[in-house]
Amino acid sequence: MSDLPNLPELDGLSVPEKILRVQDLWDDIARSPRDVEITTAQRDEAERRLRAHEEHPRECSSWEDIKLRLEDGR
């Protein structure tokens, strides 16, 4: 949990309303992706995954395939 103060205006919201607030926050963050700092380990892992994909693109699954597998319970 963070050290942020309690936000009383959130207490009266339903769970779906709170989820919408979280989505709004993520959307706001996503508008400035370069402002999001990542660790050296995260950057190294992203680069490793990109290299693996570039070297063996057929070993990766498309989002459509992954989504179908998840929906089918596989």
PDB file of N, CA and C in Angstrom:
ATOM      1  N   MET A   1       0.835  -1.176   0.000  1.00  0.00           N
ATOM      2  CA  MET A   1       0.000   0.000   0.000  1.00  0.00           C
ATOM      3  C   MET A   1       0.885   1.247   0.000  1.00  0.00           C
ATOM      4  N   SER A   2       0.403   2.314  -0.571  1.00  0.00           N
ATOM      5  CA  SER A   2       1.197   3.534  -0.640  1.00  0.00           C
ATOM      6  C   SER A   2       1.010   4.367   0.624  1.00  0.00           C
ATOM      7  N   ASP A   3       1.802   5.399   0.731  1.00  0.00           N
ATOM      8  CA  ASP A   3       1.700   6.313   1.867  1.00  0.00           C
ATOM      9  C   ASP A   3       0.793   7.501   1.557  1.00  0.00           C
ATOM     10  N   LEU A   4      -0.034   7.370   0.526  1.00  0.00           N
ATOM     11  CA  LEU A   4      -0.936   8.459   0.169  1.00  0.00           C
ATOM     12  C   LEU A   4      -2.000   8.621   1.249  1.00  0.00           C
ATOM     13  N   PRO A   5      -2.462   9.844   1.442  1.00  0.00           N
ATOM     14  CA  PRO A   5      -3.515  10.052   2.441  1.00  0.00           C
ATOM     15  C   PRO A   5      -4.818   9.407   1.979  1.00  0.00           C
ATOM     16  N   ASN A   6      -5.680   9.094   2.945  1.00  0.00           N
ATOM     17  CA  ASN A   6      -6.991   8.552   2.617  1.00  0.00           C
ATOM     18  C   ASN A   6      -7.758   9.586   1.798  1.00  0.00           C
ATOM     19  N   LEU A   7      -8.438   9.156   0.780  1.00  0.00           N
ATOM     20  CA  LEU A   7      -9.195  10.065  -0.078  1.00  0.00           C
ATOM     21  C   LEU A   7     -10.681   9.859   0.212  1.00  0.00           C
ATOM     22  N   PRO A   8     -11.253  10.656   1.092  1.00  0.00           N
ATOM     23  CA  PRO A   8     -12.638  10.445   1.503  1.00  0.00           C
ATOM     24  C   PRO A   8     -13.628  10.476   0.349  1.00  0.00           C
ATOM     25  N   GLU A   9     -13.300  11.212  -0.716  1.00  0.00           N
ATOM     26  CA  GLU A   9     -14.237  11.279  -1.853  1.00  0.00           C
ATOM     27  C   GLU A   9     -14.393   9.922  -2.536  1.00  0.00           C
ATOM     28  N   LEU A  10     -13.463   8.999  -2.289  1.00  0.00           N
ATOM     29  CA  LEU A  10     -13.560   7.663  -2.874  1.00  0.00           C
ATOM     30  C   LEU A  10     -14.423   6.725  -2.044  1.00  0.00           C
ATOM     31  N   ASP A  11     -14.600   7.052  -0.770  1.00  0.00           N
ATOM     32  CA  ASP A  11     -15.345   6.166   0.130  1.00  0.00           C
ATOM     33  C   ASP A  11     -16.772   5.905  -0.334  1.00  0.00           C
ATOM     34  N   GLY A  12     -17.398   6.879  -0.956  1.00  0.00           N
ATOM     35  CA  GLY A  12     -18.788   6.721  -1.375  1.00  0.00           C
ATOM     36  C   GLY A  12     -18.967   6.090  -2.742  1.00  0.00           C
ATOM     37  N   LEU A  13     -17.867   5.773  -3.423  1.00  0.00           N
ATOM     38  CA  LEU A  13     -17.969   5.201  -4.764  1.00  0.00           C
ATOM     39  C   LEU A  13     -18.146   3.689  -4.703  1.00  0.00           C
ATOM     40  N   SER A  14     -18.868   3.171  -5.672  1.00  0.00           N
ATOM     41  CA  SER A  14     -19.000   1.720  -5.802  1.00  0.00           C
ATOM     42  C   SER A  14     -17.704   1.168  -6.387  1.00  0.00           C
ATOM     43  N   VAL A  15     -17.547  -0.139  -6.322  1.00  0.00           N
ATOM     44  CA  VAL A  15     -16.346  -0.759  -6.895  1.00  0.00           C
ATOM     45  C   VAL A  15     -16.242  -0.452  -8.388  1.00  0.00           C
ATOM     46  N   PRO A  16     -17.319  -0.605  -9.173  1.00  0.00           N
ATOM     47  CA  PRO A  16     -17.186  -0.253 -10.600  1.00  0.00           C
ATOM     48  C   PRO A  16     -16.774   1.203 -10.826  1.00  0.00           C
ATOM     49  N   GLU A  17     -17.278   2.113  -9.984  1.00  0.00           N
ATOM     50  CA  GLU A  17     -16.891   3.516 -10.125  1.00  0.00           C
ATOM     51  C   GLU A  17     -15.416   3.710  -9.783  1.00  0.00           C
ATOM     52  N   LYS A  18     -14.933   3.002  -8.772  1.00  0.00           N
ATOM     53  CA  LYS A  18     -13.518   3.077  -8.409  1.00  0.00           C
ATOM     54  C   LYS A  18     -12.643   2.527  -9.525  1.00  0.00           C
ATOM     55  N   ILE A  19     -13.083   1.451 -10.149  1.00  0.00           N
ATOM     56  CA  ILE A  19     -12.326   0.866 -11.267  1.00  0.00           C
ATOM     57  C   ILE A  19     -12.246   1.866 -12.416  1.00  0.00           C
ATOM     58  N   LEU A  20     -13.335   2.566 -12.681  1.00  0.00           N
ATOM     59  CA  LEU A  20     -13.309   3.589 -13.737  1.00  0.00           C
ATOM     60  C   LEU A  20     -12.310   4.690 -13.402  1.00  0.00           C
ATOM     61  N   ARG A  21     -12.222   5.074 -12.129  1.00  0.00           N
ATOM     62  CA  ARG A  21     -11.240   6.078 -11.720  1.00  0.00           C
ATOM     63  C   ARG A  21      -9.820   5.579 -11.975  1.00  0.00           C
ATOM     64  N   VAL A  22      -9.572   4.308 -11.641  1.00  0.00           N
ATOM     65  CA  VAL A  22      -8.242   3.724 -11.871  1.00  0.00           C
ATOM     66  C   VAL A  22      -7.926   3.722 -13.365  1.00  0.00           C
ATOM     67  N   GLN A  23      -8.902   3.348 -14.180  1.00  0.00           N
ATOM     68  CA  GLN A  23      -8.694   3.342 -15.631  1.00  0.00           C
ATOM     69  C   GLN A  23      -8.387   4.748 -16.131  1.00  0.00           C
ATOM     70  N   ASP A  24      -9.081   5.734 -15.586  1.00  0.00           N
ATOM     71  CA  ASP A  24      -8.807   7.123 -15.970  1.00  0.00           C
ATOM     72  C   ASP A  24      -7.371   7.512 -15.620  1.00  0.00           C
ATOM     73  N   LEU A  25      -6.903   7.078 -14.439  1.00  0.00           N
ATOM     74  CA  LEU A  25      -5.528   7.368 -14.045  1.00  0.00           C
ATOM     75  C   LEU A  25      -4.531   6.710 -14.991  1.00  0.00           C
ATOM     76  N   TRP A  26      -4.771   5.428 -15.322  1.00  0.00           N
ATOM     77  CA  TRP A  26      -3.866   4.733 -16.243  1.00  0.00           C
ATOM     78  C   TRP A  26      -3.851   5.417 -17.600  1.00  0.00           C
ATOM     79  N   ASP A  27      -5.033   5.825 -18.077  1.00  0.00           N
ATOM     80  CA  ASP A  27      -5.100   6.526 -19.365  1.00  0.00           C
ATOM     81  C   ASP A  27      -4.295   7.821 -19.325  1.00  0.00           C
ATOM     82  N   ASP A  28      -4.378   8.534 -18.205  1.00  0.00           N
ATOM     83  CA  ASP A  28      -3.628   9.773 -18.056  1.00  0.00           C
ATOM     84  C   ASP A  28      -2.122   9.501 -18.072  1.00  0.00           C
ATOM     85  N   ILE A  29      -1.687   8.481 -17.371  1.00  0.00           N
ATOM     86  CA  ILE A  29      -0.268   8.104 -17.351  1.00  0.00           C
ATOM     87  C   ILE A  29       0.188   7.688 -18.741  1.00  0.00           C
ATOM     88  N   ALA A  30      -0.647   6.944 -19.453  1.00  0.00           N
ATOM     89  CA  ALA A  30      -0.290   6.434 -20.777  1.00  0.00           C
ATOM     90  C   ALA A  30      -0.099   7.548 -21.802  1.00  0.00           C
ATOM     91  N   ARG A  31      -0.668   8.710 -21.548  1.00  0.00           N
ATOM     92  CA  ARG A  31      -0.497   9.829 -22.484  1.00  0.00           C
ATOM     93  C   ARG A  31       0.934  10.363 -22.466  1.00  0.00           C
ATOM     94  N   SER A  32       1.699  10.043 -21.432  1.00  0.00           N
ATOM     95  CA  SER A  32       3.089  10.516 -21.327  1.00  0.00           C
ATOM     96  C   SER A  32       4.003   9.351 -20.951  1.00  0.00           C
ATOM     97  N   PRO A  33       4.111   8.336 -21.812  1.00  0.00           N
ATOM     98  CA  PRO A  33       4.869   7.151 -21.441  1.00  0.00           C
ATOM     99  C   PRO A  33       6.343   7.426 -21.146  1.00  0.00           C
ATOM    100  N   ARG A  34       6.901   8.451 -21.732  1.00  0.00           N
ATOM    101  CA  ARG A  34       8.319   8.756 -21.486  1.00  0.00           C
ATOM    102  C   ARG A  34       8.551   9.293 -20.077  1.00  0.00           C
ATOM    103  N   ASP A  35       7.488   9.716 -19.418  1.00  0.00           N
ATOM    104  CA  ASP A  35       7.610  10.208 -18.046  1.00  0.00           C
ATOM    105  C   ASP A  35       7.641   9.073 -17.024  1.00  0.00           C
ATOM    106  N   VAL A  36       7.326   7.867 -17.464  1.00  0.00           N
ATOM    107  CA  VAL A  36       7.309   6.714 -16.558  1.00  0.00           C
ATOM    108  C   VAL A  36       8.718   6.131 -16.506  1.00  0.00           C
ATOM    109  N   GLU A  37       9.313   6.178 -15.329  1.00  0.00           N
ATOM    110  CA  GLU A  37      10.668   5.669 -15.175  1.00  0.00           C
ATOM    111  C   GLU A  37      10.632   4.161 -14.938  1.00  0.00           C
ATOM    112  N   ILE A  38      11.551   3.454 -15.560  1.00  0.00           N
ATOM    113  CA  ILE A  38      11.675   2.027 -15.317  1.00  0.00           C
ATOM    114  C   ILE A  38      13.089   1.737 -14.818  1.00  0.00           C
ATOM    115  N   THR A  39      13.221   0.620 -14.153  1.00  0.00           N
ATOM    116  CA  THR A  39      14.529   0.259 -13.617  1.00  0.00           C
ATOM    117  C   THR A  39      15.410  -0.301 -14.727  1.00  0.00           C
ATOM    118  N   THR A  40      16.682  -0.381 -14.448  1.00  0.00           N
ATOM    119  CA  THR A  40      17.625  -0.985 -15.396  1.00  0.00           C
ATOM    120  C   THR A  40      17.233  -2.433 -15.658  1.00  0.00           C
ATOM    121  N   ALA A  41      16.827  -3.141 -14.614  1.00  0.00           N
ATOM    122  CA  ALA A  41      16.420  -4.545 -14.782  1.00  0.00           C
ATOM    123  C   ALA A  41      15.196  -4.656 -15.686  1.00  0.00           C
ATOM    124  N   GLN A  42      14.231  -3.750 -15.541  1.00  0.00           N
ATOM    125  CA  GLN A  42      13.047  -3.771 -16.397  1.00  0.00           C
ATOM    126  C   GLN A  42      13.416  -3.478 -17.847  1.00  0.00           C
ATOM    127  N   ARG A  43      14.301  -2.505 -18.055  1.00  0.00           N
ATOM    128  CA  ARG A  43      14.734  -2.165 -19.412  1.00  0.00           C
ATOM    129  C   ARG A  43      15.478  -3.343 -20.043  1.00  0.00           C
ATOM    130  N   ASP A  44      16.370  -3.978 -19.263  1.00  0.00           N
ATOM    131  CA  ASP A  44      17.121  -5.128 -19.764  1.00  0.00           C
ATOM    132  C   ASP A  44      16.183  -6.266 -20.149  1.00  0.00           C
ATOM    133  N   GLU A  45      15.169  -6.507 -19.327  1.00  0.00           N
ATOM    134  CA  GLU A  45      14.222  -7.587 -19.620  1.00  0.00           C
ATOM    135  C   GLU A  45      13.413  -7.272 -20.877  1.00  0.00           C
ATOM    136  N   ALA A  46      12.984  -6.037 -21.025  1.00  0.00           N
ATOM    137  CA  ALA A  46      12.240  -5.653 -22.227  1.00  0.00           C
ATOM    138  C   ALA A  46      13.099  -5.831 -23.474  1.00  0.00           C
ATOM    139  N   GLU A  47      14.354  -5.439 -23.389  1.00  0.00           N
ATOM    140  CA  GLU A  47      15.264  -5.599 -24.521  1.00  0.00           C
ATOM    141  C   GLU A  47      15.521  -7.077 -24.815  1.00  0.00           C
ATOM    142  N   ARG A  48      15.648  -7.883 -23.767  1.00  0.00           N
ATOM    143  CA  ARG A  48      15.851  -9.330 -23.955  1.00  0.00           C
ATOM    144  C   ARG A  48      14.644  -9.947 -24.676  1.00  0.00           C
ATOM    145  N   ARG A  49      13.455  -9.567 -24.247  1.00  0.00           N
ATOM    146  CA  ARG A  49      12.240 -10.101 -24.878  1.00  0.00           C
ATOM    147  C   ARG A  49      12.112  -9.648 -26.333  1.00  0.00           C
ATOM    148  N   LEU A  50      12.475  -8.397 -26.602  1.00  0.00           N
ATOM    149  CA  LEU A  50      12.417  -7.898 -27.979  1.00  0.00           C
ATOM    150  C   LEU A  50      13.400  -8.665 -28.857  1.00  0.00           C
ATOM    151  N   ARG A  51      14.617  -8.873 -28.364  1.00  0.00           N
ATOM    152  CA  ARG A  51      15.615  -9.643 -29.135  1.00  0.00           C
ATOM    153  C   ARG A  51      15.122 -11.067 -29.389  1.00  0.00           C
ATOM    154  N   ALA A  52      14.531 -11.693 -28.373  1.00  0.00           N
ATOM    155  CA  ALA A  52      14.018 -13.060 -28.530  1.00  0.00           C
ATOM    156  C   ALA A  52      12.938 -13.095 -29.600  1.00  0.00           C
ATOM    157  N   HIS A  53      12.079 -12.099 -29.602  1.00  0.00           N
ATOM    158  CA  HIS A  53      11.022 -12.042 -30.616  1.00  0.00           C
ATOM    159  C   HIS A  53      11.609 -11.820 -32.004  1.00  0.00           C
ATOM    160  N   GLU A  54      12.590 -10.930 -32.105  1.00  0.00           N
ATOM    161  CA  GLU A  54      13.194 -10.649 -33.407  1.00  0.00           C
ATOM    162  C   GLU A  54      13.935 -11.873 -33.949  1.00  0.00           C
ATOM    163  N   GLU A  55      14.545 -12.649 -33.055  1.00  0.00           N
ATOM    164  CA  GLU A  55      15.285 -13.838 -33.479  1.00  0.00           C
ATOM    165  C   GLU A  55      14.368 -15.022 -33.807  1.00  0.00           C
ATOM    166  N   HIS A  56      13.227 -15.112 -33.139  1.00  0.00           N
ATOM    167  CA  HIS A  56      12.313 -16.249 -33.316  1.00  0.00           C
ATOM    168  C   HIS A  56      10.861 -15.760 -33.325  1.00  0.00           C
ATOM    169  N   PRO A  57      10.470 -14.979 -34.337  1.00  0.00           N
ATOM    170  CA  PRO A  57       9.121 -14.387 -34.331  1.00  0.00           C
ATOM    171  C   PRO A  57       7.992 -15.407 -34.344  1.00  0.00           C
ATOM    172  N   ARG A  58       8.221 -16.583 -34.885  1.00  0.00           N
ATOM    173  CA  ARG A  58       7.148 -17.585 -34.954  1.00  0.00           C
ATOM    174  C   ARG A  58       6.884 -18.259 -33.609  1.00  0.00           C
ATOM    175  N   GLU A  59       7.798 -18.081 -32.655  1.00  0.00           N
ATOM    176  CA  GLU A  59       7.600 -18.674 -31.332  1.00  0.00           C
ATOM    177  C   GLU A  59       6.689 -17.823 -30.458  1.00  0.00           C
ATOM    178  N   CYS A  60       6.321 -16.657 -30.936  1.00  0.00           N
ATOM    179  CA  CYS A  60       5.458 -15.763 -30.174  1.00  0.00           C
ATOM    180  C   CYS A  60       4.014 -15.940 -30.618  1.00  0.00           C
ATOM    181  N   SER A  61       3.104 -15.618 -29.734  1.00  0.00           N
ATOM    182  CA  SER A  61       1.675 -15.688 -30.039  1.00  0.00           C
ATOM    183  C   SER A  61       1.127 -14.283 -30.230  1.00  0.00           C
ATOM    184  N   SER A  62       0.178 -14.161 -31.124  1.00  0.00           N
ATOM    185  CA  SER A  62      -0.479 -12.868 -31.311  1.00  0.00           C
ATOM    186  C   SER A  62      -1.447 -12.645 -30.149  1.00  0.00           C
ATOM    187  N   TRP A  63      -1.821 -11.398 -29.941  1.00  0.00           N
ATOM    188  CA  TRP A  63      -2.791 -11.091 -28.894  1.00  0.00           C
ATOM    189  C   TRP A  63      -4.103 -11.826 -29.167  1.00  0.00           C
ATOM    190  N   GLU A  64      -4.493 -11.930 -30.416  1.00  0.00           N
ATOM    191  CA  GLU A  64      -5.729 -12.618 -30.766  1.00  0.00           C
ATOM    192  C   GLU A  64      -5.680 -14.087 -30.334  1.00  0.00           C
ATOM    193  N   ASP A  65      -4.539 -14.752 -30.568  1.00  0.00           N
ATOM    194  CA  ASP A  65      -4.384 -16.149 -30.152  1.00  0.00           C
ATOM    195  C   ASP A  65      -4.412 -16.295 -28.629  1.00  0.00           C
ATOM    196  N   ILE A  66      -3.730 -15.402 -27.959  1.00  0.00           N
ATOM    197  CA  ILE A  66      -3.704 -15.457 -26.491  1.00  0.00           C
ATOM    198  C   ILE A  66      -5.109 -15.250 -25.936  1.00  0.00           C
ATOM    199  N   LYS A  67      -5.809 -14.278 -26.476  1.00  0.00           N
ATOM    200  CA  LYS A  67      -7.161 -13.983 -26.009  1.00  0.00           C
ATOM    201  C   LYS A  67      -8.083 -15.190 -26.224  1.00  0.00           C
ATOM    202  N   LEU A  68      -7.991 -15.818 -27.388  1.00  0.00           N
ATOM    203  CA  LEU A  68      -8.808 -17.012 -27.657  1.00  0.00           C
ATOM    204  C   LEU A  68      -8.496 -18.136 -26.661  1.00  0.00           C
ATOM    205  N   ARG A  69      -7.206 -18.358 -26.373  1.00  0.00           N
ATOM    206  CA  ARG A  69      -6.826 -19.399 -25.416  1.00  0.00           C
ATOM    207  C   ARG A  69      -7.386 -19.093 -24.029  1.00  0.00           C
ATOM    208  N   LEU A  70      -7.316 -17.838 -23.638  1.00  0.00           N
ATOM    209  CA  LEU A  70      -7.848 -17.458 -22.324  1.00  0.00           C
ATOM    210  C   LEU A  70      -9.357 -17.628 -22.259  1.00  0.00           C
ATOM    211  N   GLU A  71     -10.039 -17.258 -23.326  1.00  0.00           N
ATOM    212  CA  GLU A  71     -11.498 -17.387 -23.361  1.00  0.00           C
ATOM    213  C   GLU A  71     -11.938 -18.844 -23.393  1.00  0.00           C
ATOM    214  N   ASP A  72     -11.128 -19.689 -24.001  1.00  0.00           N
ATOM    215  CA  ASP A  72     -11.436 -21.122 -24.080  1.00  0.00           C
ATOM    216  C   ASP A  72     -11.002 -21.869 -22.828  1.00  0.00           C
ATOM    217  N   GLY A  73     -10.283 -21.184 -21.940  1.00  0.00           N
ATOM    218  CA  GLY A  73      -9.818 -21.817 -20.722  1.00  0.00           C
ATOM    219  C   GLY A  73      -8.611 -22.717 -20.920  1.00  0.00           C
ATOM    220  N   ARG A  74      -7.863 -22.497 -22.017  1.00  0.00           N
ATOM    221  CA  ARG A  74      -6.679 -23.329 -22.272  1.00  0.00           C
ATOM    222  C   ARG A  74      -5.443 -22.670 -21.774  1.00  0.00           C
TER     223      ARG A  74
END
